[in-house]
Amino acid sequence: MENVKANVMLDAKGLACPMPIVKTKKTMNGLEAGQVLEVQATDKGSKADLKAWAESTGHQYLGTLEEGAVLKHYLRKSSSDETIDRKHPNVIDNDELERKLETEDNIIVLDVRENAEYAFNHIPNSISIPLGELEIRFDEINKEAEIYVVCRTGSRSDLAAQKLTEKGFTKVTNVVPGMSQWSGKTTTIVK
């Protein structure tokens, strides 16, 4: 089992509805945008409750892992600027990337979402380098390859594409709208 990283862990074990949501809301308020919260709960109804709560508040429900009687829920705090103006000039949409993945072998899909987002749902064979780690991991990426950068909405990938271009990568393309609307093949750690 792949280990999912979270920025903060909340212990809501032994609590019944609505307490896991009450504690989650309070903890989420203290997080920075983009951070991932792991909520450990034993209430079986917490899965549906937390998913619905996240969707109604604009936060991202990533998924749930079961470890015995403990449900580990992963949520990402959304930011108000996830729809910022895009600045990287080379952009393709999800459908174009999906076609390229079917016909071309020498391309790299670089996923710049957080580790937990990637773990629950990603494009097969994509490389995971969270945006916050990109600048110290440039050497892991082939400068000669065509690089298609993906995130959830196209905002983080836009920033990553700009950073790559500044570092001398010449074949960089931002994928919009990204994983939030990806309908192609995906891989997940959830069995």
Protein backbone atom coordinates (compact mmCIF):
# COMPACT_ATOMS: atom_id res chain seq x y z
CA MET A 1 0.00 0.00 0.00
CA GLU A 2 1.34 3.38 -1.02
CA ASN A 3 1.72 5.84 1.83
CA VAL A 4 -0.42 8.95 1.40
CA LYS A 5 1.12 12.13 2.79
CA ALA A 6 -1.02 14.73 4.49
CA ASN A 7 0.00 18.08 5.94
CA VAL A 8 -2.22 17.69 9.01
CA MET A 9 -3.88 14.70 10.70
CA LEU A 10 -7.17 15.04 12.62
CA ASP A 11 -8.21 12.30 15.06
CA ALA A 12 -12.00 11.95 14.94
CA LYS A 13 -12.07 8.29 16.00
CA GLY A 14 -14.97 7.36 18.27
CA LEU A 15 -16.99 10.43 17.29
CA ALA A 16 -20.47 10.16 15.76
CA CYS A 17 -22.18 12.47 13.28
CA PRO A 18 -21.97 15.46 13.14
CA MET A 19 -18.74 15.72 15.18
CA PRO A 20 -16.28 14.49 12.48
CA ILE A 21 -17.54 17.28 10.19
CA VAL A 22 -17.51 19.88 12.97
CA LYS A 23 -13.88 19.03 13.82
CA THR A 24 -12.92 18.83 10.14
CA LYS A 25 -14.37 22.28 9.45
CA LYS A 26 -12.50 23.80 12.38
CA THR A 27 -9.21 22.16 11.36
CA MET A 28 -9.66 23.05 7.68
CA ASN A 29 -10.10 26.72 8.62
CA GLY A 30 -6.57 26.69 10.04
CA LEU A 31 -4.97 25.18 6.94
CA GLU A 32 -3.37 27.04 4.06
CA ALA A 33 -4.84 26.65 0.58
CA GLY A 34 -3.58 23.50 -1.10
CA GLN A 35 -2.75 21.65 2.10
CA VAL A 36 -4.08 18.12 2.58
CA LEU A 37 -5.95 17.04 5.73
CA GLU A 38 -6.16 13.42 6.85
CA VAL A 39 -9.24 12.77 9.00
CA GLN A 40 -9.16 9.49 10.92
CA ALA A 41 -12.66 8.35 11.85
CA THR A 42 -14.49 5.20 12.92
CA ASP A 43 -18.01 6.37 12.04
CA LYS A 44 -18.94 4.49 8.85
CA GLY A 45 -21.21 7.36 7.79
CA SER A 46 -18.27 9.76 7.82
CA LYS A 47 -17.27 8.80 4.28
CA ALA A 48 -20.47 10.08 2.67
CA ASP A 49 -20.69 12.97 5.14
CA LEU A 50 -17.18 14.29 4.55
CA LYS A 51 -17.42 13.88 0.79
CA ALA A 52 -20.70 15.84 0.70
CA TRP A 53 -19.32 18.49 3.06
CA ALA A 54 -16.18 18.97 0.96
CA GLU A 55 -18.17 19.33 -2.25
CA SER A 56 -20.60 21.80 -0.68
CA THR A 57 -17.80 24.00 0.68
CA GLY A 58 -15.57 23.95 -2.41
CA HIS A 59 -12.83 21.83 -0.86
CA GLN A 60 -11.58 18.76 -2.68
CA TYR A 61 -12.47 15.28 -1.39
CA LEU A 62 -9.55 13.10 -2.50
CA GLY A 63 -10.66 9.71 -1.19
CA THR A 64 -10.79 7.33 1.75
CA LEU A 65 -8.54 4.45 2.75
CA GLU A 66 -9.73 1.79 5.19
CA GLU A 67 -7.29 0.37 7.73
CA GLY A 68 -9.21 -2.05 9.89
CA ALA A 69 -11.96 -0.13 11.68
CA VAL A 70 -10.34 3.24 10.91
CA LEU A 71 -11.37 5.27 7.87
CA LYS A 72 -8.68 7.68 6.70
CA HIS A 73 -10.31 10.48 4.72
CA TYR A 74 -8.18 12.86 2.64
CA LEU A 75 -9.35 16.39 1.81
CA ARG A 76 -7.49 19.25 0.12
CA LYS A 77 -8.21 22.82 1.07
CA SER A 78 -9.15 24.78 -2.02
CA SER A 79 -8.04 28.31 -2.64
CA SER A 80 -9.97 31.21 -4.03
CA ASP A 81 -7.34 31.72 -6.74
CA GLU A 82 -7.49 28.31 -8.39
CA THR A 83 -8.99 29.97 -11.43
CA ILE A 84 -6.19 32.53 -11.84
CA ASP A 85 -5.32 33.83 -15.29
CA ARG A 86 -3.08 31.48 -17.18
CA LYS A 87 0.20 32.90 -18.42
CA HIS A 88 2.02 29.99 -20.08
CA PRO A 89 1.51 30.29 -23.85
CA ASN A 90 1.49 26.59 -24.78
CA VAL A 91 -1.81 25.00 -23.74
CA ILE A 92 -3.76 21.91 -24.80
CA ASP A 93 -6.99 20.46 -23.49
CA ASN A 94 -7.55 17.06 -21.88
CA ASP A 95 -8.84 15.47 -25.11
CA GLU A 96 -5.69 16.48 -27.02
CA LEU A 97 -3.47 15.01 -24.30
CA GLU A 98 -5.50 11.81 -24.29
CA ARG A 99 -4.99 11.47 -28.09
CA LYS A 100 -1.25 12.11 -27.72
CA LEU A 101 -0.98 9.42 -25.02
CA GLU A 102 -2.56 6.93 -27.44
CA THR A 103 -0.30 7.78 -30.39
CA GLU A 104 3.04 9.00 -29.03
CA ASP A 105 5.59 7.24 -26.84
CA ASN A 106 8.18 9.92 -26.12
CA ILE A 107 6.13 12.30 -23.99
CA ILE A 108 6.21 12.98 -20.27
CA VAL A 109 3.10 13.75 -18.24
CA LEU A 110 4.23 15.72 -15.18
CA ASP A 111 1.62 15.80 -12.40
CA VAL A 112 2.28 18.73 -10.04
CA ARG A 113 -0.56 18.08 -7.58
CA GLU A 114 0.11 17.10 -3.96
CA ASN A 115 1.12 13.49 -3.25
CA ALA A 116 -2.29 12.59 -1.79
CA GLU A 117 -4.13 13.94 -4.85
CA TYR A 118 -1.85 11.94 -7.12
CA ALA A 119 -2.19 8.75 -5.07
CA PHE A 120 -5.98 8.65 -5.34
CA ASN A 121 -6.21 9.39 -9.07
CA HIS A 122 -3.56 9.94 -11.74
CA ILE A 123 -2.75 9.35 -15.39
CA PRO A 124 -0.86 6.03 -15.81
CA ASN A 125 2.94 6.45 -16.08
CA SER A 126 2.79 10.13 -15.14
CA ILE A 127 5.58 11.54 -12.98
CA SER A 128 4.55 13.00 -9.62
CA ILE A 129 6.47 16.09 -8.54
CA PRO A 130 4.34 18.42 -6.39
CA LEU A 131 4.63 22.08 -7.41
CA GLY A 132 6.30 22.96 -4.09
CA GLU A 133 9.11 20.44 -4.81
CA LEU A 134 9.60 21.24 -8.50
CA GLU A 135 12.51 23.66 -8.14
CA ILE A 136 14.63 21.12 -6.23
CA ARG A 137 13.71 18.24 -8.57
CA PHE A 138 14.26 19.74 -12.06
CA ASP A 139 17.06 17.23 -12.66
CA GLU A 140 14.56 14.34 -12.55
CA ILE A 141 12.92 15.57 -15.78
CA ASN A 142 14.32 14.97 -19.28
CA LYS A 143 14.94 18.43 -20.81
CA GLU A 144 14.70 17.04 -24.35
CA ALA A 145 11.26 15.41 -23.95
CA GLU A 146 7.85 16.88 -24.68
CA ILE A 147 6.42 17.66 -21.24
CA TYR A 148 2.70 17.96 -20.55
CA VAL A 149 2.06 19.46 -17.12
CA VAL A 150 -1.17 18.57 -15.32
CA CYS A 151 -2.80 19.54 -12.01
CA ARG A 152 -6.41 19.65 -10.85
CA THR A 153 -7.58 22.80 -12.68
CA GLY A 154 -4.71 24.07 -14.83
CA SER A 155 -3.53 26.76 -12.39
CA ARG A 156 -0.68 24.98 -10.60
CA SER A 157 0.35 23.36 -13.88
CA ASP A 158 0.49 26.84 -15.45
CA LEU A 159 2.91 27.98 -12.75
CA ALA A 160 4.95 24.79 -13.14
CA ALA A 161 5.10 25.24 -16.93
CA GLN A 162 6.39 28.80 -16.43
CA LYS A 163 9.07 27.56 -13.99
CA LEU A 164 10.17 24.79 -16.35
CA THR A 165 10.44 27.22 -19.27
CA GLU A 166 12.50 29.62 -17.13
CA LYS A 167 14.89 26.73 -16.40
CA GLY A 168 15.48 26.05 -20.09
CA PHE A 169 12.88 23.37 -20.82
CA THR A 170 11.68 24.16 -24.36
CA LYS A 171 8.85 21.69 -25.05
CA VAL A 172 6.47 22.42 -22.15
CA THR A 173 2.67 22.45 -22.46
CA ASN A 174 0.03 23.16 -19.81
CA VAL A 175 -2.99 20.80 -19.78
CA VAL A 176 -6.34 22.50 -19.12
CA PRO A 177 -8.66 21.88 -17.30
CA GLY A 178 -6.62 18.99 -15.89
CA MET A 179 -7.58 16.19 -13.54
CA SER A 180 -10.81 17.83 -12.34
CA GLN A 181 -12.36 16.89 -15.69
CA TRP A 182 -10.04 14.11 -16.91
CA SER A 183 -12.04 11.30 -18.53
CA GLY A 184 -9.12 9.22 -19.82
CA LYS A 185 -7.44 6.26 -18.16
CA THR A 186 -6.39 6.68 -14.54
CA THR A 187 -4.59 4.71 -11.88
CA THR A 188 -5.33 4.76 -8.16
CA ILE A 189 -4.03 3.20 -4.96
CA VAL A 190 -7.56 2.40 -3.82
CA LYS A 191 -8.31 -1.26 -4.49
